[in-house]
Amino acid sequence: MARPSKPLISRTAAVEKSIEIIDSEGLDAFSLPRLAAALGVRAPSLYHHFSDKNEILTAIARYVGGKSVIRPRRAPGPDWPEYFVSLALNFRQSVLRHRNVAPVLIEHLPRETLVGSYEDNARFLHDSGVPTRLHIQILDGMETISVGAVLAEALHKPRTRNSLFPSVDPEGSPYLAAALAANEFTLKELFAERVRSFLIGVVVNDADRQREQETSA
């Protein structure tokens, strides 16, 4: 379909209105006619900015999973893991703010827009003194942990620390019940500790490997 010669709406307005529709009415309710009606234009006007519905969904994923994720204001240094913990938490906050958009992110979120610029993150690691040999392991692991955990959480109904494992029978599962009773972390805190443990583990495991190589040399 030919695009109108003059745009009646902005790309940003279309993306923001799309997210609003999905947030309030669900993904199944979203369509080009529904978006056009919400914007007060005819559907052909959308083709000035988007070639099809898939391109709109990709733009939505870029916004929720990238553009709206706040980058932490933390200088490079020895506490560099906390920068990535904060970045992961900000990604989580952005996604959970738009739970109905989670299925869109699974299919349409381009890797380069996940948790900020990979180039910027690699530079941050370099400036923090983290060995270059660990950068890909850290960046790839951060994507796997952040995206996997957050999208899984977003696709479930909101939970609390007491509902992590629903319908646990203390008699039938005494050890699990005891573990739940002893857990002091909220879901947000559990997520942060998961990310922090991964980052610290990368450094510790690398130090062990370096020592083993020096000993065997």
N, C-alpha and C. Protein backbone atom coordinates (compact mmCIF):
# COMPACT_ATOMS: atom_id res chain seq x y z
N MET A 1 0.85 -1.20 0.00
CA MET A 1 0.00 0.00 0.00
C MET A 1 0.88 1.24 0.00
N ALA A 2 0.59 2.22 -0.84
CA ALA A 2 1.40 3.42 -0.92
C ALA A 2 1.25 4.25 0.35
N ARG A 3 2.34 4.90 0.73
CA ARG A 3 2.31 5.72 1.93
C ARG A 3 1.82 7.13 1.60
N PRO A 4 1.11 7.77 2.51
CA PRO A 4 0.67 9.15 2.28
C PRO A 4 1.88 10.05 2.08
N SER A 5 1.72 11.11 1.29
CA SER A 5 2.84 12.01 1.01
C SER A 5 3.25 12.81 2.23
N LYS A 6 2.34 13.02 3.17
CA LYS A 6 2.61 13.81 4.36
C LYS A 6 2.15 13.07 5.60
N PRO A 7 3.04 12.88 6.60
CA PRO A 7 2.65 12.14 7.80
C PRO A 7 1.65 12.94 8.64
N LEU A 8 0.63 12.24 9.13
CA LEU A 8 -0.37 12.88 9.99
C LEU A 8 -0.07 12.65 11.46
N ILE A 9 0.82 11.70 11.73
CA ILE A 9 1.20 11.36 13.10
C ILE A 9 2.71 11.12 13.12
N SER A 10 3.28 11.09 14.31
CA SER A 10 4.71 10.78 14.44
C SER A 10 4.89 9.31 14.76
N ARG A 11 6.06 8.79 14.45
CA ARG A 11 6.38 7.40 14.76
C ARG A 11 6.32 7.16 16.26
N THR A 12 6.85 8.12 17.02
CA THR A 12 6.86 7.98 18.48
C THR A 12 5.45 7.92 19.03
N ALA A 13 4.57 8.78 18.52
CA ALA A 13 3.19 8.80 18.99
C ALA A 13 2.51 7.47 18.69
N ALA A 14 2.80 6.88 17.53
CA ALA A 14 2.20 5.61 17.16
C ALA A 14 2.68 4.49 18.08
N VAL A 15 3.97 4.49 18.40
CA VAL A 15 4.52 3.46 19.29
C VAL A 15 3.94 3.60 20.69
N GLU A 16 3.90 4.81 21.21
CA GLU A 16 3.38 5.03 22.55
C GLU A 16 1.90 4.67 22.64
N LYS A 17 1.12 5.00 21.62
CA LYS A 17 -0.30 4.66 21.62
C LYS A 17 -0.48 3.14 21.50
N SER A 18 0.39 2.49 20.75
CA SER A 18 0.32 1.03 20.62
C SER A 18 0.53 0.37 21.98
N ILE A 19 1.53 0.84 22.70
CA ILE A 19 1.81 0.29 24.03
C ILE A 19 0.63 0.53 24.97
N GLU A 20 0.04 1.71 24.86
CA GLU A 20 -1.12 2.04 25.70
C GLU A 20 -2.28 1.07 25.43
N ILE A 21 -2.51 0.76 24.16
CA ILE A 21 -3.59 -0.16 23.80
C ILE A 21 -3.30 -1.56 24.35
N ILE A 22 -2.07 -2.03 24.16
CA ILE A 22 -1.70 -3.37 24.62
C ILE A 22 -1.75 -3.45 26.14
N ASP A 23 -1.30 -2.39 26.80
CA ASP A 23 -1.34 -2.36 28.28
C ASP A 23 -2.77 -2.50 28.79
N SER A 24 -3.68 -1.77 28.19
CA SER A 24 -5.04 -1.69 28.72
C SER A 24 -5.98 -2.76 28.18
N GLU A 25 -5.75 -3.21 26.95
CA GLU A 25 -6.69 -4.13 26.32
C GLU A 25 -6.11 -5.49 25.99
N GLY A 26 -4.79 -5.62 26.08
CA GLY A 26 -4.16 -6.90 25.77
C GLY A 26 -3.65 -6.95 24.34
N LEU A 27 -2.74 -7.87 24.09
CA LEU A 27 -2.11 -7.97 22.77
C LEU A 27 -3.10 -8.37 21.69
N ASP A 28 -4.05 -9.22 22.03
CA ASP A 28 -5.01 -9.69 21.02
C ASP A 28 -5.88 -8.55 20.48
N ALA A 29 -6.01 -7.50 21.28
CA ALA A 29 -6.86 -6.38 20.84
C ALA A 29 -6.12 -5.44 19.89
N PHE A 30 -4.82 -5.61 19.79
CA PHE A 30 -4.02 -4.67 18.99
C PHE A 30 -4.08 -5.03 17.51
N SER A 31 -4.35 -4.03 16.69
CA SER A 31 -4.36 -4.18 15.24
C SER A 31 -4.11 -2.81 14.63
N LEU A 32 -3.80 -2.78 13.35
CA LEU A 32 -3.58 -1.49 12.68
C LEU A 32 -4.85 -0.64 12.68
N PRO A 33 -6.02 -1.21 12.39
CA PRO A 33 -7.25 -0.39 12.46
C PRO A 33 -7.51 0.15 13.87
N ARG A 34 -7.23 -0.69 14.89
CA ARG A 34 -7.45 -0.24 16.27
C ARG A 34 -6.49 0.90 16.61
N LEU A 35 -5.25 0.79 16.17
CA LEU A 35 -4.26 1.84 16.43
C LEU A 35 -4.64 3.11 15.69
N ALA A 36 -5.03 2.98 14.44
CA ALA A 36 -5.41 4.15 13.65
C ALA A 36 -6.58 4.88 14.30
N ALA A 37 -7.58 4.12 14.77
CA ALA A 37 -8.75 4.74 15.40
C ALA A 37 -8.35 5.48 16.67
N ALA A 38 -7.43 4.89 17.44
CA ALA A 38 -6.99 5.53 18.68
C ALA A 38 -6.22 6.82 18.40
N LEU A 39 -5.56 6.87 17.26
CA LEU A 39 -4.78 8.05 16.88
C LEU A 39 -5.62 9.08 16.12
N GLY A 40 -6.86 8.68 15.77
CA GLY A 40 -7.72 9.60 15.05
C GLY A 40 -7.35 9.76 13.59
N VAL A 41 -6.75 8.72 13.00
CA VAL A 41 -6.37 8.77 11.59
C VAL A 41 -6.90 7.51 10.90
N ARG A 42 -6.72 7.44 9.60
CA ARG A 42 -7.06 6.24 8.86
C ARG A 42 -5.84 5.32 8.83
N ALA A 43 -6.08 4.03 8.71
CA ALA A 43 -4.99 3.05 8.75
C ALA A 43 -3.87 3.35 7.75
N PRO A 44 -4.15 3.82 6.51
CA PRO A 44 -3.05 4.09 5.57
C PRO A 44 -2.03 5.10 6.09
N SER A 45 -2.45 5.97 7.02
CA SER A 45 -1.51 6.95 7.55
C SER A 45 -0.36 6.29 8.30
N LEU A 46 -0.60 5.10 8.84
CA LEU A 46 0.44 4.39 9.58
C LEU A 46 1.57 3.94 8.67
N TYR A 47 1.27 3.77 7.38
CA TYR A 47 2.28 3.26 6.46
C TYR A 47 3.33 4.31 6.10
N HIS A 48 3.14 5.52 6.57
CA HIS A 48 4.20 6.52 6.38
C HIS A 48 5.40 6.19 7.24
N HIS A 49 5.16 5.52 8.38
CA HIS A 49 6.22 5.19 9.32
C HIS A 49 6.53 3.70 9.39
N PHE A 50 5.56 2.85 9.09
CA PHE A 50 5.73 1.40 9.25
C PHE A 50 5.25 0.68 8.00
N SER A 51 6.01 -0.34 7.61
CA SER A 51 5.64 -1.09 6.42
C SER A 51 4.52 -2.09 6.71
N ASP A 52 4.47 -2.57 7.95
CA ASP A 52 3.43 -3.53 8.32
C ASP A 52 3.35 -3.61 9.84
N LYS A 53 2.47 -4.50 10.32
CA LYS A 53 2.27 -4.65 11.76
C LYS A 53 3.53 -5.13 12.45
N ASN A 54 4.27 -6.02 11.81
CA ASN A 54 5.49 -6.54 12.42
C ASN A 54 6.50 -5.44 12.71
N GLU A 55 6.58 -4.47 11.83
CA GLU A 55 7.52 -3.37 12.06
C GLU A 55 7.08 -2.53 13.26
N ILE A 56 5.79 -2.38 13.45
CA ILE A 56 5.30 -1.67 14.63
C ILE A 56 5.66 -2.45 15.89
N LEU A 57 5.45 -3.77 15.86
CA LEU A 57 5.75 -4.59 17.03
C LEU A 57 7.24 -4.56 17.36
N THR A 58 8.09 -4.52 16.33
CA THR A 58 9.53 -4.41 16.58
C THR A 58 9.86 -3.07 17.22
N ALA A 59 9.21 -2.01 16.77
CA ALA A 59 9.44 -0.69 17.37
C ALA A 59 8.97 -0.68 18.82
N ILE A 60 7.87 -1.36 19.11
CA ILE A 60 7.39 -1.46 20.49
C ILE A 60 8.42 -2.18 21.36
N ALA A 61 8.96 -3.27 20.84
CA ALA A 61 9.97 -4.03 21.58
C ALA A 61 11.21 -3.21 21.82
N ARG A 62 11.63 -2.45 20.82
CA ARG A 62 12.81 -1.59 20.98
C ARG A 62 12.57 -0.54 22.06
N TYR A 63 11.36 -0.02 22.12
CA TYR A 63 11.06 1.02 23.11
C TYR A 63 11.05 0.46 24.53
N VAL A 64 10.29 -0.61 24.73
CA VAL A 64 10.14 -1.16 26.08
C VAL A 64 11.44 -1.83 26.54
N GLY A 65 12.12 -2.54 25.64
CA GLY A 65 13.32 -3.26 26.03
C GLY A 65 14.61 -2.49 25.89
N GLY A 66 14.55 -1.30 25.29
CA GLY A 66 15.77 -0.54 25.09
C GLY A 66 15.66 0.92 25.44
N LYS A 67 14.87 1.66 24.67
CA LYS A 67 14.81 3.11 24.83
C LYS A 67 14.35 3.55 26.20
N SER A 68 13.37 2.84 26.76
CA SER A 68 12.83 3.27 28.05
C SER A 68 13.61 2.73 29.25
N VAL A 69 14.65 1.93 28.99
CA VAL A 69 15.47 1.40 30.08
C VAL A 69 16.50 2.45 30.49
N ILE A 70 16.43 2.89 31.72
CA ILE A 70 17.31 3.95 32.22
C ILE A 70 18.71 3.38 32.48
N ARG A 71 19.72 4.06 31.96
CA ARG A 71 21.10 3.64 32.19
C ARG A 71 21.57 4.20 33.53
N PRO A 72 22.16 3.38 34.38
CA PRO A 72 22.61 3.84 35.70
C PRO A 72 23.70 4.91 35.58
N ARG A 73 23.68 5.83 36.52
CA ARG A 73 24.73 6.85 36.58
C ARG A 73 25.79 6.38 37.57
N ARG A 74 26.67 5.54 37.09
CA ARG A 74 27.72 4.98 37.93
C ARG A 74 29.02 4.98 37.15
N ALA A 75 30.08 5.51 37.75
CA ALA A 75 31.37 5.58 37.07
C ALA A 75 32.04 4.21 37.07
N PRO A 76 32.85 3.92 36.04
CA PRO A 76 33.59 2.65 36.01
C PRO A 76 34.49 2.54 37.23
N GLY A 77 34.68 1.32 37.71
CA GLY A 77 35.51 1.11 38.88
C GLY A 77 35.40 -0.29 39.41
N PRO A 78 35.98 -0.56 40.55
CA PRO A 78 35.98 -1.92 41.11
C PRO A 78 34.61 -2.45 41.48
N ASP A 79 33.63 -1.56 41.66
CA ASP A 79 32.28 -2.02 41.99
C ASP A 79 31.43 -2.14 40.73
N TRP A 80 32.08 -2.39 39.59
CA TRP A 80 31.39 -2.46 38.30
C TRP A 80 30.20 -3.43 38.28
N PRO A 81 30.21 -4.55 39.04
CA PRO A 81 29.03 -5.42 39.00
C PRO A 81 27.73 -4.71 39.37
N GLU A 82 27.82 -3.73 40.26
CA GLU A 82 26.60 -3.03 40.69
C GLU A 82 25.99 -2.20 39.57
N TYR A 83 26.83 -1.77 38.62
CA TYR A 83 26.29 -1.08 37.45
C TYR A 83 25.36 -2.01 36.68
N PHE A 84 25.81 -3.24 36.47
CA PHE A 84 25.01 -4.19 35.70
C PHE A 84 23.80 -4.69 36.49
N VAL A 85 23.93 -4.76 37.80
CA VAL A 85 22.77 -5.11 38.62
C VAL A 85 21.71 -4.02 38.47
N SER A 86 22.12 -2.77 38.53
CA SER A 86 21.17 -1.66 38.38
C SER A 86 20.56 -1.64 36.99
N LEU A 87 21.38 -1.92 35.98
CA LEU A 87 20.88 -1.94 34.61
C LEU A 87 19.85 -3.04 34.42
N ALA A 88 20.12 -4.20 35.00
CA ALA A 88 19.18 -5.32 34.91
C ALA A 88 17.87 -4.99 35.64
N LEU A 89 17.98 -4.35 36.79
CA LEU A 89 16.78 -3.96 37.53
C LEU A 89 15.96 -2.93 36.76
N ASN A 90 16.64 -2.02 36.07
CA ASN A 90 15.92 -1.03 35.27
C ASN A 90 15.22 -1.68 34.08
N PHE A 91 15.87 -2.68 33.49
CA PHE A 91 15.24 -3.44 32.41
C PHE A 91 14.00 -4.16 32.93
N ARG A 92 14.15 -4.78 34.09
CA ARG A 92 13.02 -5.48 34.72
C ARG A 92 11.86 -4.52 34.97
N GLN A 93 12.16 -3.35 35.50
CA GLN A 93 11.12 -2.37 35.80
C GLN A 93 10.38 -1.95 34.53
N SER A 94 11.13 -1.72 33.46
CA SER A 94 10.51 -1.29 32.21
C SER A 94 9.58 -2.36 31.65
N VAL A 95 10.03 -3.62 31.69
CA VAL A 95 9.22 -4.70 31.14
C VAL A 95 7.98 -4.96 32.00
N LEU A 96 8.16 -5.00 33.32
CA LEU A 96 7.03 -5.30 34.19
C LEU A 96 6.00 -4.17 34.21
N ARG A 97 6.43 -3.00 33.81
CA ARG A 97 5.49 -1.88 33.69
C ARG A 97 4.52 -2.12 32.52
N HIS A 98 4.94 -2.98 31.60
CA HIS A 98 4.14 -3.28 30.41
C HIS A 98 4.06 -4.80 30.22
N ARG A 99 3.46 -5.49 31.19
CA ARG A 99 3.43 -6.95 31.17
C ARG A 99 2.80 -7.52 29.91
N ASN A 100 1.78 -6.87 29.39
CA ASN A 100 1.11 -7.39 28.21
C ASN A 100 1.98 -7.33 26.96
N VAL A 101 3.07 -6.56 27.04
CA VAL A 101 3.97 -6.43 25.89
C VAL A 101 5.01 -7.55 25.89
N ALA A 102 5.12 -8.29 26.97
CA ALA A 102 6.15 -9.32 27.10
C ALA A 102 6.19 -10.29 25.91
N PRO A 103 5.05 -10.80 25.43
CA PRO A 103 5.10 -11.69 24.27
C PRO A 103 5.70 -11.03 23.03
N VAL A 104 5.52 -9.71 22.91
CA VAL A 104 6.09 -8.98 21.78
C VAL A 104 7.61 -8.99 21.86
N LEU A 105 8.14 -8.82 23.07
CA LEU A 105 9.58 -8.80 23.25
C LEU A 105 10.21 -10.14 22.91
N ILE A 106 9.51 -11.22 23.22
CA ILE A 106 10.04 -12.55 22.95
C ILE A 106 10.31 -12.74 21.46
N GLU A 107 9.42 -12.24 20.64
CA GLU A 107 9.54 -12.48 19.19
C GLU A 107 10.23 -11.34 18.45
N HIS A 108 10.10 -10.12 18.95
CA HIS A 108 10.52 -8.97 18.16
C HIS A 108 11.65 -8.13 18.76
N LEU A 109 12.21 -8.53 19.88
CA LEU A 109 13.24 -7.70 20.51
C LEU A 109 14.60 -7.96 19.87
N PRO A 110 15.15 -7.01 19.12
CA PRO A 110 16.47 -7.19 18.51
C PRO A 110 17.55 -7.20 19.58
N ARG A 111 18.57 -8.02 19.39
CA ARG A 111 19.59 -8.18 20.41
C ARG A 111 20.28 -6.86 20.74
N GLU A 112 20.51 -6.03 19.72
CA GLU A 112 21.32 -4.83 19.95
C GLU A 112 20.62 -3.80 20.82
N THR A 113 19.32 -3.98 21.10
CA THR A 113 18.62 -2.99 21.91
C THR A 113 18.24 -3.53 23.28
N LEU A 114 18.83 -4.64 23.70
CA LEU A 114 18.36 -5.29 24.90
C LEU A 114 18.59 -4.47 26.16
N VAL A 115 19.76 -4.46 26.72
CA VAL A 115 19.99 -3.73 27.95
C VAL A 115 21.03 -2.63 27.71
N GLY A 116 20.72 -1.80 26.76
CA GLY A 116 21.63 -0.72 26.45
C GLY A 116 22.57 -1.12 25.33
N SER A 117 23.47 -0.23 25.03
CA SER A 117 24.44 -0.46 23.96
C SER A 117 25.51 -1.44 24.41
N TYR A 118 25.70 -2.52 23.63
CA TYR A 118 26.74 -3.49 23.98
C TYR A 118 28.13 -2.86 23.89
N GLU A 119 28.30 -1.97 22.94
CA GLU A 119 29.58 -1.28 22.83
C GLU A 119 29.84 -0.44 24.08
N ASP A 120 28.83 0.28 24.54
CA ASP A 120 28.99 1.10 25.75
C ASP A 120 29.27 0.22 26.96
N ASN A 121 28.58 -0.93 27.03
CA ASN A 121 28.79 -1.82 28.17
C ASN A 121 30.18 -2.45 28.15
N ALA A 122 30.66 -2.79 26.95
CA ALA A 122 32.01 -3.34 26.83
C ALA A 122 33.05 -2.29 27.22
N ARG A 123 32.81 -1.04 26.83
CA ARG A 123 33.72 0.03 27.20
C ARG A 123 33.72 0.24 28.71
N PHE A 124 32.54 0.14 29.32
CA PHE A 124 32.44 0.28 30.77
C PHE A 124 33.25 -0.81 31.46
N LEU A 125 33.16 -2.04 30.96
CA LEU A 125 33.95 -3.13 31.53
C LEU A 125 35.45 -2.86 31.37
N HIS A 126 35.82 -2.41 30.18
CA HIS A 126 37.24 -2.10 29.93
C HIS A 126 37.74 -1.02 30.88
N ASP A 127 36.95 0.05 31.02
CA ASP A 127 37.36 1.16 31.88
C ASP A 127 37.35 0.77 33.35
N SER A 128 36.63 -0.30 33.68
CA SER A 128 36.60 -0.78 35.06
C SER A 128 37.73 -1.76 35.36
N GLY A 129 38.53 -2.07 34.34
CA GLY A 129 39.65 -2.98 34.53
C GLY A 129 39.29 -4.45 34.42
N VAL A 130 38.12 -4.75 33.89
CA VAL A 130 37.72 -6.15 33.72
C VAL A 130 38.43 -6.71 32.50
N PRO A 131 39.09 -7.86 32.60
CA PRO A 131 39.82 -8.43 31.46
C PRO A 131 38.91 -8.61 30.24
N THR A 132 39.43 -8.28 29.08
CA THR A 132 38.65 -8.37 27.85
C THR A 132 38.15 -9.78 27.60
N ARG A 133 38.90 -10.78 28.03
CA ARG A 133 38.49 -12.17 27.79
C ARG A 133 37.16 -12.51 28.48
N LEU A 134 36.74 -11.68 29.44
CA LEU A 134 35.51 -11.95 30.16
C LEU A 134 34.31 -11.17 29.62
N HIS A 135 34.55 -10.24 28.71
CA HIS A 135 33.48 -9.33 28.31
C HIS A 135 32.31 -10.04 27.64
N ILE A 136 32.59 -10.92 26.69
CA ILE A 136 31.51 -11.61 25.99
C ILE A 136 30.75 -12.51 26.94
N GLN A 137 31.47 -13.18 27.82
CA GLN A 137 30.81 -14.05 28.80
C GLN A 137 29.85 -13.24 29.66
N ILE A 138 30.29 -12.04 30.06
CA ILE A 138 29.45 -11.18 30.91
C ILE A 138 28.26 -10.63 30.13
N LEU A 139 28.51 -10.10 28.93
CA LEU A 139 27.43 -9.49 28.16
C LEU A 139 26.39 -10.52 27.72
N ASP A 140 26.85 -11.67 27.26
CA ASP A 140 25.93 -12.72 26.84
C ASP A 140 25.15 -13.27 28.04
N GLY A 141 25.84 -13.44 29.15
CA GLY A 141 25.18 -13.94 30.35
C GLY A 141 24.16 -12.96 30.89
N MET A 142 24.47 -11.67 30.83
CA MET A 142 23.53 -10.66 31.29
C MET A 142 22.26 -10.69 30.46
N GLU A 143 22.41 -10.86 29.15
CA GLU A 143 21.22 -10.94 28.29
C GLU A 143 20.38 -12.16 28.65
N THR A 144 21.04 -13.30 28.78
CA THR A 144 20.31 -14.54 29.07
C THR A 144 19.57 -14.45 30.40
N ILE A 145 20.26 -13.97 31.42
CA ILE A 145 19.65 -13.89 32.75
C ILE A 145 18.55 -12.83 32.80
N SER A 146 18.87 -11.65 32.30
CA SER A 146 17.91 -10.55 32.40
C SER A 146 16.66 -10.81 31.57
N VAL A 147 16.86 -11.11 30.30
CA VAL A 147 15.70 -11.28 29.42
C VAL A 147 14.91 -12.52 29.82
N GLY A 148 15.60 -13.63 30.04
CA GLY A 148 14.89 -14.86 30.37
C GLY A 148 14.10 -14.75 31.65
N ALA A 149 14.74 -14.25 32.70
CA ALA A 149 14.08 -14.17 34.00
C ALA A 149 12.94 -13.15 34.00
N VAL A 150 13.18 -12.00 33.39
CA VAL A 150 12.18 -10.93 33.43
C VAL A 150 10.96 -11.28 32.57
N LEU A 151 11.18 -11.82 31.39
CA LEU A 151 10.05 -12.17 30.54
C LEU A 151 9.24 -13.31 31.16
N ALA A 152 9.93 -14.25 31.79
CA ALA A 152 9.21 -15.33 32.47
C ALA A 152 8.36 -14.77 33.59
N GLU A 153 8.91 -13.81 34.34
CA GLU A 153 8.15 -13.19 35.43
C GLU A 153 6.98 -12.38 34.88
N ALA A 154 7.20 -11.69 33.77
CA ALA A 154 6.15 -10.84 33.20
C ALA A 154 4.97 -11.65 32.68
N LEU A 155 5.24 -12.87 32.23
CA LEU A 155 4.18 -13.70 31.65
C LEU A 155 3.32 -14.38 32.71
N HIS A 156 3.73 -14.30 33.98
CA HIS A 156 2.94 -14.86 35.07
C HIS A 156 2.21 -13.74 35.81
N LYS A 157 1.21 -14.10 36.53
CA LYS A 157 0.53 -13.12 37.36
C LYS A 157 1.50 -12.63 38.42
N PRO A 158 1.38 -11.38 38.85
CA PRO A 158 2.27 -10.85 39.88
C PRO A 158 2.31 -11.75 41.12
N ARG A 159 3.53 -12.01 41.59
CA ARG A 159 3.69 -12.90 42.73
C ARG A 159 4.40 -12.18 43.87
N THR A 160 4.43 -12.82 45.02
CA THR A 160 5.16 -12.32 46.17
C THR A 160 6.14 -13.39 46.61
N ARG A 161 6.95 -13.09 47.62
CA ARG A 161 7.92 -14.08 48.10
C ARG A 161 7.21 -15.33 48.65
N ASN A 162 5.98 -15.14 49.11
CA ASN A 162 5.24 -16.27 49.68
C ASN A 162 4.53 -17.11 48.62
N SER A 163 4.49 -16.60 47.38
CA SER A 163 3.81 -17.35 46.33
C SER A 163 4.75 -17.80 45.22
N LEU A 164 6.05 -17.89 45.54
CA LEU A 164 7.02 -18.34 44.56
C LEU A 164 6.71 -19.75 44.08
N PHE A 165 6.34 -20.61 45.03
CA PHE A 165 5.94 -21.98 44.72
C PHE A 165 4.54 -22.18 45.28
N PRO A 166 3.51 -21.99 44.46
CA PRO A 166 2.14 -22.05 44.98
C PRO A 166 1.75 -23.46 45.41
N SER A 167 0.83 -23.51 46.35
CA SER A 167 0.24 -24.78 46.82
C SER A 167 1.28 -25.76 47.35
N VAL A 168 2.19 -25.24 48.16
CA VAL A 168 3.19 -26.12 48.77
C VAL A 168 2.62 -26.68 50.07
N ASP A 169 2.57 -27.99 50.14
CA ASP A 169 2.06 -28.67 51.32
C ASP A 169 3.22 -28.92 52.29
N PRO A 170 3.21 -28.29 53.46
CA PRO A 170 4.32 -28.48 54.40
C PRO A 170 4.55 -29.94 54.78
N GLU A 171 3.50 -30.72 54.76
CA GLU A 171 3.66 -32.13 55.12
C GLU A 171 4.26 -32.93 53.96
N GLY A 172 3.80 -32.64 52.77
CA GLY A 172 4.30 -33.38 51.61
C GLY A 172 5.63 -32.87 51.10
N SER A 173 5.91 -31.58 51.32
CA SER A 173 7.17 -30.97 50.86
C SER A 173 7.77 -30.15 52.00
N PRO A 174 8.22 -30.81 53.07
CA PRO A 174 8.69 -30.09 54.25
C PRO A 174 9.94 -29.25 54.00
N TYR A 175 10.85 -29.74 53.15
CA TYR A 175 12.09 -29.00 52.92
C TYR A 175 11.83 -27.75 52.08
N LEU A 176 10.98 -27.88 51.08
CA LEU A 176 10.63 -26.72 50.26
C LEU A 176 9.86 -25.70 51.10
N ALA A 177 8.95 -26.17 51.93
CA ALA A 177 8.18 -25.28 52.78
C ALA A 177 9.10 -24.54 53.74
N ALA A 178 10.10 -25.24 54.27
CA ALA A 178 11.06 -24.61 55.18
C ALA A 178 11.90 -23.57 54.45
N ALA A 179 12.27 -23.89 53.22
CA ALA A 179 13.07 -22.94 52.43
C ALA A 179 12.27 -21.67 52.15
N LEU A 180 11.00 -21.83 51.82
CA LEU A 180 10.15 -20.66 51.57
C LEU A 180 9.98 -19.82 52.83
N ALA A 181 9.84 -20.48 53.95
CA ALA A 181 9.67 -19.76 55.21
C ALA A 181 10.94 -19.00 55.58
N ALA A 182 12.10 -19.54 55.19
CA ALA A 182 13.37 -18.91 55.54
C ALA A 182 13.78 -17.82 54.55
N ASN A 183 13.14 -17.79 53.38
CA ASN A 183 13.51 -16.81 52.37
C ASN A 183 13.16 -15.39 52.82
N GLU A 184 14.14 -14.50 52.78
CA GLU A 184 13.93 -13.12 53.22
C GLU A 184 13.88 -12.15 52.04
N PHE A 185 14.07 -12.65 50.82
CA PHE A 185 14.16 -11.77 49.65
C PHE A 185 12.81 -11.60 48.95
N THR A 186 12.55 -10.39 48.49
CA THR A 186 11.42 -10.15 47.60
C THR A 186 11.81 -10.64 46.21
N LEU A 187 10.86 -10.67 45.28
CA LEU A 187 11.17 -11.08 43.92
C LEU A 187 12.23 -10.17 43.29
N LYS A 188 12.11 -8.89 43.55
CA LYS A 188 13.09 -7.93 43.02
C LYS A 188 14.47 -8.20 43.60
N GLU A 189 14.54 -8.46 44.88
CA GLU A 189 15.82 -8.73 45.53
C GLU A 189 16.41 -10.06 45.06
N LEU A 190 15.56 -11.06 44.85
CA LEU A 190 16.03 -12.34 44.33
C LEU A 190 16.65 -12.16 42.95
N PHE A 191 16.00 -11.36 42.13
CA PHE A 191 16.51 -11.09 40.79
C PHE A 191 17.87 -10.40 40.85
N ALA A 192 17.97 -9.39 41.71
CA ALA A 192 19.24 -8.66 41.84
C ALA A 192 20.35 -9.59 42.33
N GLU A 193 20.04 -10.45 43.28
CA GLU A 193 21.04 -11.37 43.80
C GLU A 193 21.45 -12.39 42.73
N ARG A 194 20.51 -12.79 41.88
CA ARG A 194 20.82 -13.73 40.80
C ARG A 194 21.83 -13.11 39.84
N VAL A 195 21.59 -11.85 39.48
CA VAL A 195 22.51 -11.15 38.58
C VAL A 195 23.86 -10.94 39.24
N ARG A 196 23.84 -10.50 40.50
CA ARG A 196 25.08 -10.23 41.23
C ARG A 196 25.91 -11.51 41.39
N SER A 197 25.25 -12.60 41.72
CA SER A 197 25.95 -13.87 41.90
C SER A 197 26.61 -14.34 40.60
N PHE A 198 25.91 -14.13 39.48
CA PHE A 198 26.48 -14.49 38.18
C PHE A 198 27.76 -13.70 37.92
N LEU A 199 27.69 -12.38 38.12
CA LEU A 199 28.83 -11.53 37.81
C LEU A 199 30.03 -11.85 38.71
N ILE A 200 29.77 -12.03 39.99
CA ILE A 200 30.85 -12.37 40.92
C ILE A 200 31.40 -13.75 40.57
N GLY A 201 30.52 -14.67 40.18
CA GLY A 201 30.96 -16.01 39.81
C GLY A 201 31.88 -16.01 38.61
N VAL A 202 31.60 -15.14 37.64
CA VAL A 202 32.47 -15.05 36.46
C VAL A 202 33.89 -14.67 36.88
N VAL A 203 33.99 -13.69 37.76
CA VAL A 203 35.30 -13.22 38.21
C VAL A 203 36.02 -14.29 39.04
N VAL A 204 35.30 -14.92 39.95
CA VAL A 204 35.91 -15.94 40.81
C VAL A 204 36.37 -17.14 39.99
N ASN A 205 35.52 -17.60 39.08
CA ASN A 205 35.89 -18.75 38.25
C ASN A 205 37.09 -18.44 37.36
N ASP A 206 37.14 -17.21 36.85
CA ASP A 206 38.28 -16.83 36.02
C ASP A 206 39.57 -16.80 36.84
N ALA A 207 39.48 -16.30 38.05
CA ALA A 207 40.67 -16.27 38.92
C ALA A 207 41.15 -17.68 39.22
N ASP A 208 40.22 -18.60 39.44
CA ASP A 208 40.59 -20.00 39.69
C ASP A 208 41.28 -20.60 38.47
N ARG A 209 40.76 -20.31 37.28
CA ARG A 209 41.37 -20.84 36.06
C ARG A 209 42.78 -20.29 35.87
N GLN A 210 42.94 -19.00 36.15
CA GLN A 210 44.26 -18.40 36.00
C GLN A 210 45.27 -19.02 36.96
N ARG A 211 44.85 -19.30 38.18
CA ARG A 211 45.73 -19.94 39.16
C ARG A 211 46.10 -21.35 38.73
N GLU A 212 45.11 -22.08 38.18
CA GLU A 212 45.37 -23.44 37.72
C GLU A 212 46.36 -23.43 36.57
N GLN A 213 46.23 -22.47 35.68
CA GLN A 213 47.16 -22.38 34.55
C GLN A 213 48.56 -22.05 35.02
N GLU A 214 48.66 -21.14 35.99
CA GLU A 214 49.97 -20.77 36.52
C GLU A 214 50.62 -21.96 37.24
N THR A 215 49.81 -22.74 37.96
CA THR A 215 50.34 -23.89 38.69
C THR A 215 50.82 -24.99 37.76
N SER A 216 50.05 -25.19 36.66
CA SER A 216 50.42 -26.25 35.72
C SER A 216 51.48 -25.86 34.72
N ALA A 217 51.82 -24.55 34.67
CA ALA A 217 52.81 -24.08 33.70
C ALA A 217 54.22 -24.52 34.08
